[in-house]
Every structure is written in structure tokens, then in C-alpha cells.
Protein backbone atom coordinates (compact mmCIF):
# COMPACT_ATOMS: atom_id res chain seq x y z
CA MET A 1 52.06 90.36 82.91
CA ASN A 2 54.25 92.20 84.65
CA HIS A 3 55.88 90.72 87.98
CA ALA A 4 57.85 92.63 90.61
CA VAL A 5 61.27 91.52 91.26
CA PRO A 6 60.93 89.48 94.50
CA TRP A 7 62.61 91.52 97.61
CA THR A 8 64.13 88.47 98.72
CA VAL A 9 66.22 88.23 95.19
CA VAL A 10 67.08 91.80 95.28
CA ALA A 11 68.69 91.72 98.89
CA ALA A 12 70.46 88.46 98.02
CA VAL A 13 72.01 90.35 95.11
CA ALA A 14 72.74 93.46 97.21
CA LEU A 15 74.45 91.14 100.23
CA ALA A 16 76.53 89.27 97.37
CA ALA A 17 77.71 92.72 95.77
CA ILE A 18 78.84 93.78 99.09
CA ALA A 19 80.60 90.34 99.99
CA GLY A 20 82.29 90.50 96.74
CA SER A 21 83.55 93.90 96.90
CA ALA A 22 84.79 93.60 100.41
CA ALA A 23 86.33 90.18 99.87
CA ALA A 24 89.95 91.35 99.18
CA GLU A 25 92.48 88.94 100.46
CA PRO A 26 93.85 90.63 103.65
CA VAL A 27 97.54 90.31 104.04
CA ILE A 28 99.23 89.11 106.97
CA ASP A 29 102.56 90.08 108.20
CA ASP A 30 105.16 88.66 110.95
CA PHE A 31 107.62 90.69 112.93
CA ALA A 32 109.96 90.58 115.97
CA ILE A 33 112.43 93.16 117.67
CA GLN A 34 114.70 92.89 120.52
CA LEU A 35 115.84 96.36 122.10
CA ASP A 36 117.88 96.62 125.10
CA GLY A 37 116.87 99.03 127.88
CA GLN A 38 118.50 102.24 126.28
CA ASN A 39 116.61 101.74 123.04
CA GLU A 40 119.42 100.14 121.13
CA PHE A 41 118.75 97.37 118.64
CA ILE A 42 120.12 93.76 119.44
CA ASP A 43 118.00 91.62 117.10
CA GLY A 44 114.90 91.61 114.87
CA GLY A 45 113.42 90.56 111.65
CA GLY A 46 109.95 89.88 109.67
CA SER A 47 108.13 89.97 106.46
CA GLY A 48 107.99 93.78 105.99
CA TRP A 49 109.49 96.17 103.75
CA GLY A 50 113.36 95.56 102.91
CA GLY A 51 113.61 92.14 104.17
CA GLY A 52 111.96 92.72 107.25
CA GLN A 53 114.05 95.60 108.01
CA TRP A 54 113.95 97.66 110.99
CA ILE A 55 114.08 101.32 110.41
CA TYR A 56 115.34 103.89 113.21
CA TYR A 57 114.11 107.48 113.37
CA PRO A 58 116.41 109.38 115.17
CA ASP A 59 114.08 112.52 115.49
CA THR A 60 111.61 110.69 117.60
CA GLY A 61 113.39 107.20 118.87
CA TRP A 62 110.98 105.14 116.88
CA TRP A 63 111.97 101.70 115.29
CA ASN A 64 109.73 100.91 112.56
CA GLN A 65 109.08 98.04 110.55
CA TRP A 66 106.98 98.79 107.53
CA PHE A 67 104.11 96.93 105.61
CA TYR A 68 102.94 97.63 102.33
CA ASN A 69 99.23 96.84 101.43
CA ASP A 70 97.48 98.87 98.55
CA PRO A 71 97.90 102.23 96.93
CA PRO A 72 96.68 105.05 98.95
CA ASP A 73 92.95 105.90 98.27
CA PRO A 74 90.74 108.51 99.95
CA SER A 75 87.48 106.73 98.72
CA ARG A 76 88.45 103.47 100.82
CA TRP A 77 89.42 102.36 104.21
CA LYS A 78 91.40 99.91 106.16
CA GLU A 79 90.83 97.40 108.68
CA VAL A 80 93.73 96.40 110.95
CA THR A 81 94.23 93.44 113.38
CA TYR A 82 97.16 92.78 115.69
CA ASP A 83 98.28 90.10 117.91
CA ILE A 84 101.49 91.32 119.67
CA VAL A 85 103.43 89.79 122.42
CA LEU A 86 105.72 91.78 124.71
CA GLN A 87 108.21 89.96 127.23
CA PRO A 88 111.18 90.33 129.09
CA LEU A 89 114.14 88.23 127.82
CA VAL A 90 116.59 90.02 130.25
CA PRO A 91 114.44 91.73 132.96
CA ASP A 92 114.91 95.30 134.40
CA PRO A 93 112.28 96.82 136.45
CA MET A 94 113.33 100.31 135.29
CA VAL A 95 112.59 99.82 131.64
CA ASN A 96 109.79 101.45 129.85
CA VAL A 97 108.55 100.52 126.37
CA GLU A 98 106.22 101.79 123.96
CA VAL A 99 104.40 99.76 121.18
CA VAL A 100 102.47 101.57 118.38
CA VAL A 101 100.76 100.69 115.25
CA ASN A 102 101.00 103.52 112.60
CA TRP A 103 100.53 104.14 109.16
CA SER A 104 101.54 106.39 106.10
CA THR A 105 99.17 109.67 105.65
CA MET A 106 97.77 110.67 102.30
CA ASP A 107 100.62 113.43 102.17
CA TYR A 108 102.97 110.58 101.69
CA PRO A 109 103.76 110.18 97.92
CA GLY A 110 102.40 106.85 96.87
CA GLY A 111 103.78 104.52 94.45
CA THR A 112 107.58 105.22 95.40
CA GLY A 113 107.97 101.46 96.39
CA GLU A 114 109.40 102.57 99.75
CA PRO A 115 107.89 103.98 102.93
CA PRO A 116 108.46 107.18 104.73
CA LEU A 117 112.11 106.95 105.58
CA PRO A 118 114.57 109.15 107.37
CA PRO A 119 115.96 111.66 106.98
CA PHE A 120 113.49 114.02 106.99
CA ALA A 121 113.22 117.84 106.84
CA PRO A 122 111.87 119.44 109.85
CA GLY A 123 107.96 118.66 110.25
CA GLU A 124 107.85 115.98 107.76
CA GLU A 125 107.98 112.74 109.76
CA SER A 126 104.87 114.08 111.66
CA LEU A 127 103.43 114.93 108.23
CA PHE A 128 103.97 111.51 106.30
CA ILE A 129 103.72 109.11 109.58
CA HIS A 130 100.38 109.08 111.48
CA ARG A 131 101.62 107.95 115.17
CA THR A 132 98.35 107.51 117.21
CA TYR A 133 97.37 103.87 117.81
CA GLU A 134 98.92 103.08 120.99
CA VAL A 135 99.31 99.30 121.58
CA TYR A 136 101.31 99.46 125.17
CA LYS A 137 103.04 102.53 127.04
CA GLY A 138 104.65 101.66 130.36
CA ARG A 139 107.06 99.74 132.38
CA VAL A 140 108.11 95.88 131.00
CA PRO A 141 105.50 93.59 132.43
CA ALA A 142 107.18 90.77 134.57
CA GLY A 143 106.25 88.20 132.22
CA GLU A 144 104.83 87.43 128.71
CA THR A 145 101.85 89.71 127.83
CA GLN A 146 99.78 89.60 124.78
CA PHE A 147 97.77 92.47 123.19
CA GLU A 148 95.06 91.68 120.54
CA ASP A 149 92.81 94.02 118.62
CA THR A 150 91.12 95.03 115.45
CA PHE A 151 90.56 98.55 114.30
CA VAL A 152 89.73 100.67 111.51
CA ILE A 153 91.35 103.54 109.67
CA PRO A 154 88.02 105.42 108.40
CA ASP A 155 89.32 108.40 106.40
CA TYR A 156 91.33 106.82 103.80
CA ASN A 157 93.39 103.61 102.86
CA PRO A 158 96.92 104.16 103.75
CA GLU A 159 99.71 102.60 101.47
CA TRP A 160 101.89 101.56 104.20
CA VAL A 161 101.34 100.13 107.94
CA SER A 162 103.90 99.74 110.39
CA ILE A 163 104.76 98.53 113.92
CA ASP A 164 106.61 100.84 115.86
CA VAL A 165 108.88 100.31 119.33
CA ARG A 166 111.03 102.09 121.69
CA THR A 167 112.55 101.88 125.06
CA ASP A 168 114.12 103.67 127.83
CA GLY A 169 114.99 104.14 131.45
CA GLY A 170 117.28 100.58 131.77
CA TYR A 171 119.93 101.50 134.46
CA VAL A 172 119.65 98.78 136.89
CA THR A 173 121.79 95.79 135.27
CA GLY A 174 122.54 97.54 131.89
CA GLU A 175 121.81 94.42 130.09
CA ALA A 176 117.84 94.40 129.75
CA VAL A 177 116.62 92.82 126.93
CA VAL A 178 112.93 93.52 125.69
CA GLN A 179 111.27 91.53 123.03
CA VAL A 180 108.35 92.44 120.96
CA HIS A 181 106.93 89.93 118.47
CA GLY A 182 103.63 89.16 116.72
CA ILE A 183 101.58 89.35 113.62
CA VAL A 184 99.81 92.14 112.02
CA GLN A 185 96.67 91.79 109.31
CA HIS A 186 95.76 94.70 107.33
CA GLU A 187 93.08 94.82 104.54
CA CYS A 188 92.14 97.43 102.27
CA LEU A 189 88.05 97.69 102.01
CA PRO A 190 85.57 99.81 100.16
CA GLU A 191 84.07 102.77 101.80
CA PRO A 192 81.29 101.94 104.23
CA SER A 193 79.32 104.61 102.83
CA SER A 194 79.84 103.42 99.37
CA LEU A 195 78.45 99.88 100.56
CA ALA A 196 75.32 101.63 101.91
CA LEU A 197 74.45 103.47 98.71
CA THR A 198 74.93 99.88 96.65
CA VAL A 199 72.60 98.44 98.78
CA VAL A 200 69.80 101.33 98.66
CA ALA A 201 70.40 101.06 94.81
CA LEU A 202 69.78 97.62 94.46
CA LEU A 203 66.81 97.52 96.78
CA GLY A 204 65.23 100.21 94.69
CA LEU A 205 64.46 97.55 92.21
CA VAL A 206 61.85 96.00 94.54
CA PHE A 207 59.69 99.03 94.03
CA PHE A 208 60.55 100.54 90.61
CA ARG A 209 61.90 97.71 88.20
CA ARG A 210 59.06 95.25 86.33
CA TRP A 211 59.52 92.44 84.23
């Protein structure tokens, strides 16, 4: 006697497959940087590349700290969660600060063991570094300010994720100090469309497979 596989069993298998494929451990990194009002580095560190090194990009004025995740992969995607605190250690009402979360592009060669580092040929910095996700841009708040969010990079899984910071405009005291610190969690996950196909294929057993 033939019996159709119960749909509840198939659904459970599908959900288990999805959960298992998406269960890669997220990577959690920490960082801290202090800049004066003229974008000069004072102090900093973290868990990123080079022992938490902050890299200066002279063409754009950014200070970057890079965090490695997984090899670049156009068939996967990345979820990024950050918790960033911005505070003036020595206030100056004229200081502006920018904080962004960035990542390497698919044009940057993978597997080198290094993130995209200066110096660059003309056009290479924007070719290798995707600077788009803005956390904050404006005058430094008067007190400690926290920024939290989660977002997805849907087109591919970048090999490297970075926190970028820069300041300008500090002329009142000449001794302004801005601190940016926090954590960033980044995880390489299967492409959503692939998961959907897995569900459809497994649920198809309900109708077509018999024992």
C-alpha cells in the first residue's frame, strides 16, 4: 500500500535544511578610534586586520579598520549588524564627523590575506571599496550617542567589511577629540532565492513521492 509523505514531515525537513544552511556562526568584531577635529589620528585599536590597525586613505581622508569574514562569493549574501557609540571626549561645536560601514567589492582580488590598502592607482579606491552605508554624518553630538542597525548586502558576499571614520572643521579650541567605538557583526549566508528553491523542491515531495 502506498502512502504519501505527510506534508508536515516535508515542511519540517525543509525548515531544518534552511536553518542548517543559514546557521553559520556570525563573526563579531570590536573597534575604537579617537580623532581630533582635523582628522588626525590620536589613538585606536580593535579586533580587525593587522591587530586592529586603522588605515588612512589619503585620497578620500577616511580612516578604515577592516574585518575579514569569508571568501568573496556572488552566490551568497551578507548580513551586517552594528552597535556604534559616538562621543566627544574634548568637545568642539565646529567639528563634523562621518561614520560609515563599507565592504570590498567583487573586483577586489580575493584570497590575498589583505584588505584593499593604499596607495591606489586613479579610480582603484572606488573600484575596490564600496562606501555607501552611512551611519552618521554631521556635527559631533553634545553627548554620547548610540547607533544600532542591521542591513543586508544582497548582491554578493564581500570578503572584507570595514568601519570608516573621518572628521573636519575643528577650529574653535584646536584640541577637539572625537571617539567612535563599538561592535560590528557580519555573517555570510546562503542566497535567499536559493533557500526558496530548496523549500519548493522539498515540498514537492508531498505530491510526487510515495512509499
